[in-house]
Structures are given as C-alpha cells and as structure tokens.
C-alpha atoms as a PDB file:
ATOM      1  CA  MET A   1     -34.251  45.030 -54.662  1.00  0.00           C
ATOM      2  CA  MET A   2     -34.881  42.753 -52.215  1.00  0.00           C
ATOM      3  CA  ILE A   3     -34.163  42.012 -48.622  1.00  0.00           C
ATOM      4  CA  GLU A   4     -34.836  39.112 -46.409  1.00  0.00           C
ATOM      5  CA  CYS A   5     -35.485  39.649 -42.601  1.00  0.00           C
ATOM      6  CA  TRP A   6     -36.175  37.079 -39.497  1.00  0.00           C
ATOM      7  CA  LYS A   7     -37.462  38.051 -36.388  1.00  0.00           C
ATOM      8  CA  THR A   8     -36.792  36.598 -32.905  1.00  0.00           C
ATOM      9  CA  ARG A   9     -39.685  37.733 -30.047  1.00  0.00           C
ATOM     10  CA  ASP A  10     -38.700  35.272 -27.189  1.00  0.00           C
ATOM     11  CA  ALA A  11     -37.045  32.445 -26.822  1.00  0.00           C
ATOM     12  CA  ARG A  12     -40.026  30.418 -28.232  1.00  0.00           C
ATOM     13  CA  THR A  13     -39.863  32.487 -31.467  1.00  0.00           C
ATOM     14  CA  CYS A  14     -35.998  32.528 -32.858  1.00  0.00           C
ATOM     15  CA  PHE A  15     -35.226  33.558 -36.252  1.00  0.00           C
ATOM     16  CA  GLN A  16     -38.806  33.666 -37.699  1.00  0.00           C
ATOM     17  CA  ALA A  17     -38.768  34.164 -41.317  1.00  0.00           C
ATOM     18  CA  ALA A  18     -40.578  37.371 -42.323  1.00  0.00           C
ATOM     19  CA  GLY A  19     -40.536  37.312 -45.946  1.00  0.00           C
ATOM     20  CA  PRO A  20     -38.642  39.306 -48.089  1.00  0.00           C
ATOM     21  CA  ILE A  21     -39.084  43.429 -47.806  1.00  0.00           C
ATOM     22  CA  PRO A  22     -38.922  45.332 -50.889  1.00  0.00           C
ATOM     23  CA  PHE A  23     -35.976  48.241 -50.604  1.00  0.00           C
ATOM     24  CA  LEU A  24     -37.257  50.609 -53.242  1.00  0.00           C
ATOM     25  CA  ARG A  25     -37.137  54.394 -54.435  1.00  0.00           C
ATOM     26  CA  SER A  26     -39.000  56.637 -52.010  1.00  0.00           C
ATOM     27  CA  ASP A  27     -42.959  56.095 -52.917  1.00  0.00           C
ATOM     28  CA  PRO A  28     -45.797  58.560 -51.615  1.00  0.00           C
ATOM     29  CA  ARG A  29     -48.712  56.216 -52.710  1.00  0.00           C
ATOM     30  CA  SER A  30     -46.749  53.501 -50.697  1.00  0.00           C
ATOM     31  CA  ASP A  31     -46.984  53.051 -46.770  1.00  0.00           C
ATOM     32  CA  ARG A  32     -44.252  50.984 -46.685  1.00  0.00           C
ATOM     33  CA  VAL A  33     -41.187  53.117 -44.120  1.00  0.00           C
ATOM     34  CA  THR A  34     -37.982  53.980 -47.053  1.00  0.00           C
ATOM     35  CA  ILE A  35     -34.460  54.807 -46.710  1.00  0.00           C
ATOM     36  CA  ALA A  36     -33.041  57.114 -48.971  1.00  0.00           C
ATOM     37  CA  VAL A  37     -29.146  57.922 -48.888  1.00  0.00           C
ATOM     38  CA  ASP A  38     -27.527  60.594 -50.055  1.00  0.00           C
ATOM     39  CA  ARG A  39     -23.751  59.980 -50.910  1.00  0.00           C
ATOM     40  CA  GLY A  40     -23.137  63.755 -51.081  1.00  0.00           C
ATOM     41  CA  ARG A  41     -24.151  64.430 -47.471  1.00  0.00           C
ATOM     42  CA  ARG A  42     -21.806  63.516 -44.380  1.00  0.00           C
ATOM     43  CA  TYR A  43     -22.466  64.457 -41.194  1.00  0.00           C
ATOM     44  CA  GLN A  44     -19.807  62.826 -37.954  1.00  0.00           C
ATOM     45  CA  GLU A  45     -17.317  59.914 -38.884  1.00  0.00           C
ATOM     46  CA  ILE A  46     -17.189  56.770 -37.580  1.00  0.00           C
ATOM     47  CA  ASP A  47     -14.432  54.696 -36.765  1.00  0.00           C
ATOM     48  CA  GLY A  48     -15.798  51.625 -37.316  1.00  0.00           C
ATOM     49  CA  PHE A  49     -18.531  48.871 -37.061  1.00  0.00           C
ATOM     50  CA  GLY A  50     -17.814  45.931 -34.221  1.00  0.00           C
ATOM     51  CA  PHE A  51     -19.146  43.940 -31.590  1.00  0.00           C
ATOM     52  CA  ALA A  52     -17.405  42.981 -28.245  1.00  0.00           C
ATOM     53  CA  LEU A  53     -15.505  39.031 -28.564  1.00  0.00           C
ATOM     54  CA  THR A  54     -15.637  38.001 -24.679  1.00  0.00           C
ATOM     55  CA  GLY A  55     -14.549  35.609 -23.310  1.00  0.00           C
ATOM     56  CA  GLY A  56     -17.369  33.216 -23.582  1.00  0.00           C
ATOM     57  CA  SER A  57     -17.764  34.169 -27.633  1.00  0.00           C
ATOM     58  CA  ALA A  58     -14.127  33.047 -27.866  1.00  0.00           C
ATOM     59  CA  SER A  59     -14.398  29.782 -25.860  1.00  0.00           C
ATOM     60  CA  LEU A  60     -16.976  28.725 -28.222  1.00  0.00           C
ATOM     61  CA  ILE A  61     -15.542  30.126 -31.403  1.00  0.00           C
ATOM     62  CA  ALA A  62     -11.958  27.562 -30.334  1.00  0.00           C
ATOM     63  CA  ALA A  63     -13.994  24.853 -30.050  1.00  0.00           C
ATOM     64  CA  LEU A  64     -15.215  24.873 -33.389  1.00  0.00           C
ATOM     65  CA  ALA A  65     -13.912  22.301 -36.107  1.00  0.00           C
ATOM     66  CA  PRO A  66     -10.987  24.663 -37.590  1.00  0.00           C
ATOM     67  CA  ASP A  67     -12.223  24.588 -41.403  1.00  0.00           C
ATOM     68  CA  VAL A  68     -15.798  25.982 -39.647  1.00  0.00           C
ATOM     69  CA  ARG A  69     -14.274  28.433 -37.454  1.00  0.00           C
ATOM     70  CA  ALA A  70     -11.941  29.543 -40.275  1.00  0.00           C
ATOM     71  CA  ASN A  71     -15.237  30.477 -42.557  1.00  0.00           C
ATOM     72  CA  LEU A  72     -17.230  31.796 -39.823  1.00  0.00           C
ATOM     73  CA  LEU A  73     -14.052  34.347 -39.086  1.00  0.00           C
ATOM     74  CA  ALA A  74     -14.021  34.808 -42.866  1.00  0.00           C
ATOM     75  CA  GLU A  75     -17.433  35.890 -43.044  1.00  0.00           C
ATOM     76  CA  LEU A  76     -17.335  38.186 -40.022  1.00  0.00           C
ATOM     77  CA  PHE A  77     -13.679  39.705 -40.394  1.00  0.00           C
ATOM     78  CA  GLY A  78     -12.879  39.037 -44.401  1.00  0.00           C
ATOM     79  CA  SER A  79     -12.765  41.804 -47.221  1.00  0.00           C
ATOM     80  CA  SER A  80     -14.472  39.509 -50.020  1.00  0.00           C
ATOM     81  CA  GLU A  81     -17.968  40.230 -51.052  1.00  0.00           C
ATOM     82  CA  ASN A  82     -19.205  37.730 -48.749  1.00  0.00           C
ATOM     83  CA  SER A  83     -17.874  39.124 -45.870  1.00  0.00           C
ATOM     84  CA  ILE A  84     -19.621  41.141 -43.413  1.00  0.00           C
ATOM     85  CA  GLY A  85     -15.940  43.396 -42.841  1.00  0.00           C
ATOM     86  CA  LEU A  86     -16.135  44.271 -39.438  1.00  0.00           C
ATOM     87  CA  SER A  87     -13.652  47.127 -38.367  1.00  0.00           C
ATOM     88  CA  CYS A  88     -13.211  46.892 -34.930  1.00  0.00           C
ATOM     89  CA  LEU A  89     -13.676  45.137 -31.322  1.00  0.00           C
ATOM     90  CA  ARG A  90     -14.473  45.282 -27.914  1.00  0.00           C
ATOM     91  CA  LEU A  91     -12.371  43.130 -25.366  1.00  0.00           C
ATOM     92  CA  SER A  92     -12.274  42.964 -21.615  1.00  0.00           C
ATOM     93  CA  ILE A  93      -9.227  43.649 -19.588  1.00  0.00           C
ATOM     94  CA  GLY A  94      -9.713  40.519 -17.329  1.00  0.00           C
ATOM     95  CA  ALA A  95     -12.965  38.938 -16.533  1.00  0.00           C
ATOM     96  CA  SER A  96     -16.173  40.194 -18.511  1.00  0.00           C
ATOM     97  CA  ASP A  97     -19.588  39.234 -16.583  1.00  0.00           C
ATOM     98  CA  LEU A  98     -19.725  36.468 -20.014  1.00  0.00           C
ATOM     99  CA  SER A  99     -16.525  34.709 -18.866  1.00  0.00           C
ATOM    100  CA  ARG A 100     -16.113  31.517 -16.962  1.00  0.00           C
ATOM    101  CA  ALA A 101     -15.475  32.990 -13.545  1.00  0.00           C
ATOM    102  CA  SER A 102     -13.952  36.313 -11.976  1.00  0.00           C
ATOM    103  CA  PHE A 103     -10.529  36.807 -12.588  1.00  0.00           C
ATOM    104  CA  SER A 104      -7.856  39.708 -13.070  1.00  0.00           C
ATOM    105  CA  TYR A 105      -4.622  39.398 -14.643  1.00  0.00           C
ATOM    106  CA  CYS A 106      -3.381  40.371 -11.193  1.00  0.00           C
ATOM    107  CA  ASP A 107      -4.774  38.654  -8.283  1.00  0.00           C
ATOM    108  CA  VAL A 108      -3.476  37.758  -5.105  1.00  0.00           C
ATOM    109  CA  GLY A 109      -4.550  36.768  -1.916  1.00  0.00           C
ATOM    110  CA  GLY A 110      -4.222  37.110   1.642  1.00  0.00           C
ATOM    111  CA  GLY A 111      -4.908  40.538   1.893  1.00  0.00           C
ATOM    112  CA  ARG A 112      -2.206  41.356   0.311  1.00  0.00           C
ATOM    113  CA  ALA A 113      -0.910  43.736  -2.254  1.00  0.00           C
ATOM    114  CA  ASP A 114       0.089  43.397  -5.745  1.00  0.00           C
ATOM    115  CA  LEU A 115       2.504  47.096  -6.499  1.00  0.00           C
ATOM    116  CA  ASP A 116       5.183  45.699  -8.825  1.00  0.00           C
ATOM    117  CA  LEU A 117       2.208  43.562 -10.582  1.00  0.00           C
ATOM    118  CA  GLY A 118       5.021  40.719 -10.017  1.00  0.00           C
ATOM    119  CA  ASP A 119       1.799  37.713 -10.424  1.00  0.00           C
ATOM    120  CA  PHE A 120       0.784  39.527 -13.544  1.00  0.00           C
ATOM    121  CA  ASP A 121      -0.740  37.102 -15.832  1.00  0.00           C
ATOM    122  CA  LEU A 122      -2.100  37.496 -19.557  1.00  0.00           C
ATOM    123  CA  PHE A 123      -3.473  34.249 -19.188  1.00  0.00           C
ATOM    124  CA  ALA A 124      -5.088  33.704 -15.858  1.00  0.00           C
ATOM    125  CA  GLY A 125      -8.696  33.126 -17.666  1.00  0.00           C
ATOM    126  CA  ASP A 126     -10.098  32.838 -20.873  1.00  0.00           C
ATOM    127  CA  VAL A 127      -7.631  31.973 -22.731  1.00  0.00           C
ATOM    128  CA  GLU A 128      -9.308  31.385 -25.807  1.00  0.00           C
ATOM    129  CA  ILE A 129      -9.168  35.382 -26.537  1.00  0.00           C
ATOM    130  CA  VAL A 130      -5.461  35.664 -27.678  1.00  0.00           C
ATOM    131  CA  PRO A 131      -5.615  33.245 -29.930  1.00  0.00           C
ATOM    132  CA  VAL A 132      -9.021  33.273 -31.322  1.00  0.00           C
ATOM    133  CA  LEU A 133      -7.760  37.142 -31.979  1.00  0.00           C
ATOM    134  CA  ARG A 134      -4.403  35.788 -34.051  1.00  0.00           C
ATOM    135  CA  GLU A 135      -6.871  34.093 -36.578  1.00  0.00           C
ATOM    136  CA  ILE A 136      -8.572  37.353 -37.057  1.00  0.00           C
ATOM    137  CA  LEU A 137      -5.601  40.223 -37.516  1.00  0.00           C
ATOM    138  CA  ALA A 138      -4.767  37.477 -39.950  1.00  0.00           C
ATOM    139  CA  ILE A 139      -7.937  38.205 -41.923  1.00  0.00           C
ATOM    140  CA  ASN A 140      -8.246  41.588 -40.856  1.00  0.00           C
ATOM    141  CA  PRO A 141      -4.409  43.435 -39.836  1.00  0.00           C
ATOM    142  CA  GLY A 142      -6.076  47.071 -39.925  1.00  0.00           C
ATOM    143  CA  LEU A 143      -9.073  45.542 -36.994  1.00  0.00           C
ATOM    144  CA  MET A 144      -9.324  48.465 -34.238  1.00  0.00           C
ATOM    145  CA  ILE A 145      -9.109  47.181 -30.817  1.00  0.00           C
ATOM    146  CA  MET A 146     -10.704  48.852 -27.787  1.00  0.00           C
ATOM    147  CA  ALA A 147     -10.040  46.694 -24.127  1.00  0.00           C
ATOM    148  CA  THR A 148     -11.739  48.195 -21.405  1.00  0.00           C
ATOM    149  CA  PRO A 149     -11.783  46.848 -17.782  1.00  0.00           C
ATOM    150  CA  TRP A 150     -15.185  45.574 -15.785  1.00  0.00           C
ATOM    151  CA  SER A 151     -13.619  45.595 -12.377  1.00  0.00           C
ATOM    152  CA  ALA A 152     -10.094  46.293 -11.335  1.00  0.00           C
ATOM    153  CA  PRO A 153      -8.199  43.258  -9.443  1.00  0.00           C
ATOM    154  CA  PRO A 154      -9.977  43.092  -5.801  1.00  0.00           C
ATOM    155  CA  TRP A 155      -7.180  44.098  -4.062  1.00  0.00           C
ATOM    156  CA  MET A 156      -7.378  47.310  -5.098  1.00  0.00           C
ATOM    157  CA  LYS A 157     -11.226  47.982  -4.412  1.00  0.00           C
ATOM    158  CA  THR A 158     -12.377  49.739  -1.451  1.00  0.00           C
ATOM    159  CA  ASN A 159     -14.873  46.333  -0.803  1.00  0.00           C
ATOM    160  CA  GLY A 160     -12.177  43.820  -2.029  1.00  0.00           C
ATOM    161  CA  SER A 161     -14.632  41.753  -3.847  1.00  0.00           C
ATOM    162  CA  PHE A 162     -14.994  41.522  -7.897  1.00  0.00           C
ATOM    163  CA  ILE A 163     -18.158  42.615  -7.819  1.00  0.00           C
ATOM    164  CA  GLY A 164     -19.333  46.303  -6.777  1.00  0.00           C
ATOM    165  CA  GLY A 165     -16.602  48.611  -4.897  1.00  0.00           C
ATOM    166  CA  GLU A 166     -14.492  51.356  -5.692  1.00  0.00           C
ATOM    167  CA  LEU A 167     -10.924  51.783  -7.183  1.00  0.00           C
ATOM    168  CA  ARG A 168      -9.210  52.783  -3.639  1.00  0.00           C
ATOM    169  CA  ALA A 169      -7.151  56.032  -4.152  1.00  0.00           C
ATOM    170  CA  GLU A 170      -3.788  54.914  -3.179  1.00  0.00           C
ATOM    171  CA  TYR A 171      -3.565  52.397  -6.023  1.00  0.00           C
ATOM    172  CA  GLN A 172      -4.269  54.487  -8.686  1.00  0.00           C
ATOM    173  CA  ALA A 173      -0.727  54.355 -10.142  1.00  0.00           C
ATOM    174  CA  ALA A 174      -0.640  50.901  -9.576  1.00  0.00           C
ATOM    175  CA  TYR A 175      -3.897  50.660 -11.758  1.00  0.00           C
ATOM    176  CA  ALA A 176      -2.293  52.582 -14.841  1.00  0.00           C
ATOM    177  CA  SER A 177       0.403  50.177 -14.613  1.00  0.00           C
ATOM    178  CA  TYR A 178      -1.951  47.725 -14.942  1.00  0.00           C
ATOM    179  CA  PHE A 179      -3.778  49.071 -18.031  1.00  0.00           C
ATOM    180  CA  VAL A 180       0.295  49.627 -19.136  1.00  0.00           C
ATOM    181  CA  ARG A 181       1.249  46.020 -18.641  1.00  0.00           C
ATOM    182  CA  TYR A 182      -2.385  44.551 -20.330  1.00  0.00           C
ATOM    183  CA  ILE A 183      -1.503  46.367 -23.070  1.00  0.00           C
ATOM    184  CA  ARG A 184       2.353  45.091 -23.378  1.00  0.00           C
ATOM    185  CA  ALA A 185       1.186  41.961 -23.101  1.00  0.00           C
ATOM    186  CA  MET A 186      -0.983  42.133 -25.774  1.00  0.00           C
ATOM    187  CA  ARG A 187       1.247  43.782 -28.321  1.00  0.00           C
ATOM    188  CA  GLN A 188       3.985  41.025 -27.603  1.00  0.00           C
ATOM    189  CA  ASN A 189       1.551  38.286 -28.888  1.00  0.00           C
ATOM    190  CA  GLY A 190       0.718  40.778 -31.934  1.00  0.00           C
ATOM    191  CA  ILE A 191      -1.909  42.228 -30.550  1.00  0.00           C
ATOM    192  CA  ARG A 192      -2.290  45.974 -30.618  1.00  0.00           C
ATOM    193  CA  ILE A 193      -4.554  47.687 -28.361  1.00  0.00           C
ATOM    194  CA  ALA A 194      -6.122  50.968 -30.238  1.00  0.00           C
ATOM    195  CA  ALA A 195      -7.971  52.080 -27.150  1.00  0.00           C
ATOM    196  CA  VAL A 196      -8.952  51.794 -23.350  1.00  0.00           C
ATOM    197  CA  THR A 197     -11.903  53.172 -21.642  1.00  0.00           C
ATOM    198  CA  PRO A 198     -11.128  53.444 -17.564  1.00  0.00           C
ATOM    199  CA  GLN A 199     -14.193  51.411 -16.881  1.00  0.00           C
ATOM    200  CA  ASN A 200     -16.921  49.797 -18.615  1.00  0.00           C
ATOM    201  CA  GLU A 201     -20.501  50.504 -17.388  1.00  0.00           C
ATOM    202  CA  PRO A 202     -18.937  52.655 -14.338  1.00  0.00           C
ATOM    203  CA  ARG A 203     -22.784  53.343 -12.149  1.00  0.00           C
ATOM    204  CA  ASN A 204     -23.958  49.419 -12.730  1.00  0.00           C
ATOM    205  CA  THR A 205     -22.117  47.712  -9.352  1.00  0.00           C
ATOM    206  CA  LYS A 206     -24.806  44.448  -9.846  1.00  0.00           C
ATOM    207  CA  ASN A 207     -22.531  42.646 -12.644  1.00  0.00           C
ATOM    208  CA  GLU A 208     -20.087  39.950 -11.580  1.00  0.00           C
ATOM    209  CA  PRO A 209     -17.352  41.221 -12.255  1.00  0.00           C
ATOM    210  CA  SER A 210     -18.029  45.030 -11.420  1.00  0.00           C
ATOM    211  CA  MET A 211     -16.585  48.229 -10.219  1.00  0.00           C
ATOM    212  CA  ALA A 212     -17.894  51.600  -9.584  1.00  0.00           C
ATOM    213  CA  MET A 213     -16.218  55.073 -11.300  1.00  0.00           C
ATOM    214  CA  SER A 214     -17.477  58.265 -11.276  1.00  0.00           C
ATOM    215  CA  ALA A 215     -17.197  60.775 -14.006  1.00  0.00           C
ATOM    216  CA  GLY A 216     -14.593  63.030 -11.258  1.00  0.00           C
ATOM    217  CA  GLN A 217     -12.928  59.983 -10.289  1.00  0.00           C
ATOM    218  CA  GLN A 218     -12.037  58.977 -13.697  1.00  0.00           C
ATOM    219  CA  ILE A 219     -10.850  62.728 -14.621  1.00  0.00           C
ATOM    220  CA  GLU A 220      -8.721  62.353 -12.088  1.00  0.00           C
ATOM    221  CA  PHE A 221      -7.142  58.544 -12.688  1.00  0.00           C
ATOM    222  CA  VAL A 222      -7.111  59.443 -16.448  1.00  0.00           C
ATOM    223  CA  ARG A 223      -5.013  63.306 -15.722  1.00  0.00           C
ATOM    224  CA  ASP A 224      -2.642  62.007 -12.971  1.00  0.00           C
ATOM    225  CA  HIS A 225      -2.426  58.315 -13.952  1.00  0.00           C
ATOM    226  CA  LEU A 226      -3.601  56.363 -16.697  1.00  0.00           C
ATOM    227  CA  GLY A 227      -2.769  59.462 -19.428  1.00  0.00           C
ATOM    228  CA  PRO A 228       0.831  60.092 -18.240  1.00  0.00           C
ATOM    229  CA  ALA A 229       1.361  56.264 -18.259  1.00  0.00           C
ATOM    230  CA  LEU A 230       0.143  55.661 -21.636  1.00  0.00           C
ATOM    231  CA  ALA A 231       2.200  58.639 -23.109  1.00  0.00           C
ATOM    232  CA  ALA A 232       5.119  57.092 -21.645  1.00  0.00           C
ATOM    233  CA  GLU A 233       4.417  53.698 -22.233  1.00  0.00           C
ATOM    234  CA  ALA A 234       2.026  53.022 -24.752  1.00  0.00           C
ATOM    235  CA  PRO A 235       1.532  56.214 -26.656  1.00  0.00           C
ATOM    236  CA  GLU A 236       0.046  54.287 -29.832  1.00  0.00           C
ATOM    237  CA  THR A 237      -3.399  53.332 -27.190  1.00  0.00           C
ATOM    238  CA  GLY A 238      -6.004  56.178 -26.812  1.00  0.00           C
ATOM    239  CA  ILE A 239      -7.926  56.975 -23.822  1.00  0.00           C
ATOM    240  CA  PHE A 240     -12.334  56.635 -24.775  1.00  0.00           C
ATOM    241  CA  CYS A 241     -13.936  57.690 -21.555  1.00  0.00           C
ATOM    242  CA  TRP A 242     -16.873  56.968 -19.901  1.00  0.00           C
ATOM    243  CA  ASP A 243     -17.674  53.633 -21.780  1.00  0.00           C
ATOM    244  CA  HIS A 244     -22.105  53.202 -20.480  1.00  0.00           C
ATOM    245  CA  ASN A 245     -23.803  50.669 -22.866  1.00  0.00           C
ATOM    246  CA  CYS A 246     -26.142  49.179 -20.109  1.00  0.00           C
END
C-alpha cells in the first residue's frame, strides 16, 4: 500500500508533494520506518479525535457556498469511506484568540457586576458557531463536544481585562453559574456539551483573551462551585482539568 504525503516547511513551501511512501510489513533489509499495529493488544481508551471549532474557522466555513460547505462537513464528520469521521470538537466559552474580537457572554461596563447574569447573551460574538455546529450535528449526532473559556468576563477578574488576571474569589459562584447558563443556552439550540474545563491554558496570561488559574484555584473552584452547580443543573456535563495545550 502506498501513502500519499505532502510537507509544509514554511510559508514559501506549503503542501509540497513528497512522493508516495510504501506502507509494508516489516522488512529487516529496509531502512524505512515501519509501523506495526497489533490489534490484539489494547492500552488506554481514546474518547475520540477532533479539533477546535473556533469563531474564526466557523466564520470561514459559514461563508462557503452551501454545497461546498455541505461537502466539507460531510468529509470531516461523515461516516462514509470517503470521510475522516471526526468524533469530537472543542469550543471556546466566549471568545478565543481566534475570534474577531474579545467578548464574553455577559459583558457589562461602568465597573458594574452582573451577579444574576441578566445580560447573558449566547450570540454576543462568534455568531456562526451555533449554526455551523447544528449542521455538523445533523451529520454526526453523536459528536462529543468539550467547551472551555479563554477568560472569565472581565468584571469577574482581578485586573478587569480580557488579558491575564485571575478570577476574583467573590465571583466564583457567579462564574459557575456562567458555565451553567452557557450549557443551558447551547442545549436550547440542540447542542449538548459533554464536558467543560475550568480554563484554557491556565498558565498563559499573554493571549487575548487569557486568564491565570493555578491548580489550587481550579481545585477550589471545581470542588466548591462548578462541580456542585453542574451536578444540580447540568449533570450530563463532565469536567476535565488542567487543559494546557500551549
């Protein structure tokens, strides 16, 4: 069997054909790397394979012609022999660093706090996420979706900014409610959030948005606020911790 291969080294050499590579049984006379798969041996389980659906990627997908978009999504999430068959997606709760602009779902100005989250708005930004997700779920209803925030709303933070800072202790309960409101709003749009994480890249305070959240802070937040809130209001949603991928 031959494997087609392309290489990208830098911006000047994108997707350069490298020529077919043979994928054969082990041959001690060959200096090529051979991968042997033993179907009889199993190690840890894998929940799925996928990537992040950011506001930027959702806007680009949404801008495609309907037939082109449908073909792309079918190739990515479909179950045919010509499909990749992706099984999970990661979403940002609020803006990510690949959004058009920084936003949360509950932005208030003038130094005010919104403890009741009365200004919560799922469509405050990245408005293409939900429509694109609904098209994806029509193709793969069993898709596992994990969501994570890049930052809490600035009014909940020690520095009042989308960049850096930490969650203020007095707003931990409100922030847990923010997660619940997000999960409920997505559920109302036919989207089930299988799991959340407390913070994206919790040691990275240079991105926009970003927020620091130490292991101890995550333990306290999950134990005393987020865990009980999800158990009571969204028991179908799990919690993954230490979501650090930078």
